[in-house]
Amino acid sequence: MNALATRLHAGDVIEVDIEGDSATALVLLATHEFVMLDPCDGRTPIVVRSEDLGPVRVFTDHL
C-alpha cells in the first residue's frame, strides 16, 4: 500500500507543486489506489492514482 494513501483522509486539504506553482485541493475520498480531489475553484473534482500524486503537504485535523 502506498504510504501517501495511508496518510490522506476525506476532509484533508493538500498542497502540491505543479510545474513550479502550488495548488491546493480538498480530499473528497482517498483509497489505497485513488484520491478524489476538489480544487475548490469551480472546476470539476478530479481523480488521480495515489502513486501519481507525488509529494504533497497535508493540512489535517486528524490526530
N, C-alpha and C. Protein backbone atom coordinates (compact mmCIF):
# COMPACT_ATOMS: atom_id res chain seq x y z
N MET A 1 0.84 -1.18 0.00
CA MET A 1 0.00 0.00 0.00
C MET A 1 0.89 1.25 0.00
N ASN A 2 0.49 2.23 -0.74
CA ASN A 2 1.20 3.49 -0.85
C ASN A 2 1.17 4.24 0.48
N ALA A 3 2.33 4.77 0.92
CA ALA A 3 2.41 5.49 2.19
C ALA A 3 1.54 6.75 2.17
N LEU A 4 1.45 7.40 1.01
CA LEU A 4 0.62 8.60 0.90
C LEU A 4 -0.85 8.26 1.15
N ALA A 5 -1.32 7.16 0.57
CA ALA A 5 -2.72 6.78 0.70
C ALA A 5 -3.08 6.51 2.15
N THR A 6 -2.15 6.03 2.95
CA THR A 6 -2.46 5.77 4.35
C THR A 6 -2.53 7.06 5.15
N ARG A 7 -1.93 8.15 4.63
CA ARG A 7 -1.95 9.44 5.33
C ARG A 7 -3.16 10.29 4.98
N LEU A 8 -3.70 10.16 3.80
CA LEU A 8 -4.79 11.03 3.35
C LEU A 8 -6.14 10.50 3.78
N HIS A 9 -6.98 11.44 4.22
CA HIS A 9 -8.35 11.11 4.62
C HIS A 9 -9.28 12.15 4.02
N ALA A 10 -10.54 11.77 3.83
CA ALA A 10 -11.54 12.72 3.36
C ALA A 10 -11.57 13.91 4.31
N GLY A 11 -11.60 15.10 3.76
CA GLY A 11 -11.62 16.32 4.54
C GLY A 11 -10.27 16.99 4.69
N ASP A 12 -9.19 16.26 4.38
CA ASP A 12 -7.86 16.87 4.41
C ASP A 12 -7.73 17.89 3.30
N VAL A 13 -6.93 18.88 3.53
CA VAL A 13 -6.57 19.85 2.50
C VAL A 13 -5.11 19.58 2.17
N ILE A 14 -4.81 19.47 0.87
CA ILE A 14 -3.44 19.20 0.46
C ILE A 14 -2.93 20.32 -0.44
N GLU A 15 -1.64 20.44 -0.47
CA GLU A 15 -0.98 21.38 -1.37
C GLU A 15 0.07 20.60 -2.12
N VAL A 16 0.10 20.77 -3.42
CA VAL A 16 1.03 20.04 -4.28
C VAL A 16 1.64 21.03 -5.26
N ASP A 17 2.87 20.80 -5.63
CA ASP A 17 3.53 21.65 -6.62
C ASP A 17 3.33 21.07 -8.01
N ILE A 18 2.81 21.90 -8.90
CA ILE A 18 2.59 21.50 -10.30
C ILE A 18 3.29 22.51 -11.18
N GLU A 19 4.32 22.05 -11.86
CA GLU A 19 5.09 22.91 -12.77
C GLU A 19 5.54 24.19 -12.08
N GLY A 20 6.03 24.07 -10.85
CA GLY A 20 6.56 25.22 -10.13
C GLY A 20 5.55 26.06 -9.38
N ASP A 21 4.28 25.80 -9.57
CA ASP A 21 3.23 26.54 -8.86
C ASP A 21 2.57 25.63 -7.83
N SER A 22 2.15 26.22 -6.72
CA SER A 22 1.44 25.45 -5.70
C SER A 22 -0.04 25.41 -6.02
N ALA A 23 -0.65 24.25 -5.81
CA ALA A 23 -2.08 24.09 -5.99
C ALA A 23 -2.65 23.46 -4.72
N THR A 24 -3.81 23.93 -4.31
CA THR A 24 -4.46 23.43 -3.10
C THR A 24 -5.75 22.72 -3.49
N ALA A 25 -6.04 21.61 -2.81
CA ALA A 25 -7.26 20.86 -3.11
C ALA A 25 -7.77 20.20 -1.84
N LEU A 26 -9.08 19.97 -1.81
CA LEU A 26 -9.74 19.26 -0.72
C LEU A 26 -9.85 17.79 -1.10
N VAL A 27 -9.47 16.90 -0.19
CA VAL A 27 -9.59 15.46 -0.44
C VAL A 27 -11.03 15.06 -0.17
N LEU A 28 -11.72 14.60 -1.22
CA LEU A 28 -13.10 14.15 -1.08
C LEU A 28 -13.17 12.68 -0.69
N LEU A 29 -12.24 11.89 -1.22
CA LEU A 29 -12.21 10.45 -0.97
C LEU A 29 -10.79 9.97 -1.19
N ALA A 30 -10.31 9.09 -0.34
CA ALA A 30 -8.97 8.53 -0.51
C ALA A 30 -9.02 7.03 -0.25
N THR A 31 -8.55 6.26 -1.22
CA THR A 31 -8.41 4.82 -1.05
C THR A 31 -6.94 4.49 -1.23
N HIS A 32 -6.60 3.21 -1.12
CA HIS A 32 -5.19 2.85 -1.30
C HIS A 32 -4.74 3.01 -2.75
N GLU A 33 -5.67 3.13 -3.70
CA GLU A 33 -5.30 3.27 -5.11
C GLU A 33 -5.57 4.65 -5.69
N PHE A 34 -6.65 5.31 -5.26
CA PHE A 34 -7.07 6.56 -5.88
C PHE A 34 -7.39 7.64 -4.84
N VAL A 35 -7.28 8.89 -5.29
CA VAL A 35 -7.65 10.03 -4.47
C VAL A 35 -8.54 10.93 -5.31
N MET A 36 -9.71 11.31 -4.77
CA MET A 36 -10.60 12.24 -5.45
C MET A 36 -10.40 13.61 -4.81
N LEU A 37 -10.06 14.60 -5.64
CA LEU A 37 -9.72 15.93 -5.16
C LEU A 37 -10.65 16.98 -5.74
N ASP A 38 -11.03 17.93 -4.89
CA ASP A 38 -11.80 19.09 -5.34
C ASP A 38 -10.87 20.29 -5.29
N PRO A 39 -10.54 20.88 -6.44
CA PRO A 39 -9.62 22.02 -6.45
C PRO A 39 -10.26 23.30 -5.87
N CYS A 40 -11.54 23.26 -5.54
CA CYS A 40 -12.25 24.38 -4.90
C CYS A 40 -12.14 25.68 -5.69
N ASP A 41 -12.10 25.58 -6.99
CA ASP A 41 -12.02 26.77 -7.84
C ASP A 41 -13.08 26.76 -8.92
N GLY A 42 -14.13 25.95 -8.71
CA GLY A 42 -15.21 25.89 -9.68
C GLY A 42 -15.06 24.78 -10.71
N ARG A 43 -13.87 24.16 -10.77
CA ARG A 43 -13.67 23.06 -11.71
C ARG A 43 -14.25 21.77 -11.13
N THR A 44 -14.47 20.81 -12.00
CA THR A 44 -14.96 19.50 -11.61
C THR A 44 -13.90 18.78 -10.78
N PRO A 45 -14.31 18.07 -9.72
CA PRO A 45 -13.33 17.28 -8.96
C PRO A 45 -12.60 16.30 -9.88
N ILE A 46 -11.38 15.96 -9.51
CA ILE A 46 -10.56 15.07 -10.31
C ILE A 46 -10.20 13.83 -9.50
N VAL A 47 -9.92 12.75 -10.19
CA VAL A 47 -9.48 11.51 -9.58
C VAL A 47 -8.08 11.21 -10.11
N VAL A 48 -7.15 10.96 -9.19
CA VAL A 48 -5.79 10.62 -9.58
C VAL A 48 -5.38 9.35 -8.84
N ARG A 49 -4.49 8.59 -9.46
CA ARG A 49 -3.92 7.45 -8.76
C ARG A 49 -3.00 7.99 -7.68
N SER A 50 -3.08 7.44 -6.49
CA SER A 50 -2.29 7.97 -5.38
C SER A 50 -0.80 7.91 -5.67
N GLU A 51 -0.37 6.91 -6.43
CA GLU A 51 1.06 6.80 -6.77
C GLU A 51 1.50 7.90 -7.74
N ASP A 52 0.56 8.51 -8.46
CA ASP A 52 0.89 9.59 -9.40
C ASP A 52 0.82 10.97 -8.75
N LEU A 53 0.32 11.06 -7.55
CA LEU A 53 0.13 12.34 -6.90
C LEU A 53 1.45 13.00 -6.52
N GLY A 54 2.44 12.22 -6.19
CA GLY A 54 3.74 12.77 -5.83
C GLY A 54 3.74 13.36 -4.45
N PRO A 55 4.80 14.11 -4.12
CA PRO A 55 4.89 14.68 -2.77
C PRO A 55 3.85 15.78 -2.55
N VAL A 56 3.20 15.72 -1.41
CA VAL A 56 2.19 16.72 -1.06
C VAL A 56 2.40 17.18 0.38
N ARG A 57 1.90 18.36 0.67
CA ARG A 57 1.84 18.85 2.04
C ARG A 57 0.40 18.66 2.50
N VAL A 58 0.22 18.03 3.64
CA VAL A 58 -1.11 17.70 4.12
C VAL A 58 -1.46 18.58 5.31
N PHE A 59 -2.61 19.23 5.23
CA PHE A 59 -3.15 20.04 6.31
C PHE A 59 -4.39 19.28 6.82
N THR A 60 -4.32 18.79 8.05
CA THR A 60 -5.36 17.94 8.57
C THR A 60 -5.66 18.25 10.02
N ASP A 61 -6.83 17.85 10.49
CA ASP A 61 -7.13 17.98 11.90
C ASP A 61 -7.20 16.60 12.56
N HIS A 62 -6.79 15.55 11.81
CA HIS A 62 -6.75 14.19 12.36
C HIS A 62 -5.54 14.06 13.26
N LEU A 63 -5.68 13.28 14.29
CA LEU A 63 -4.55 13.03 15.19
C LEU A 63 -3.66 11.96 14.65
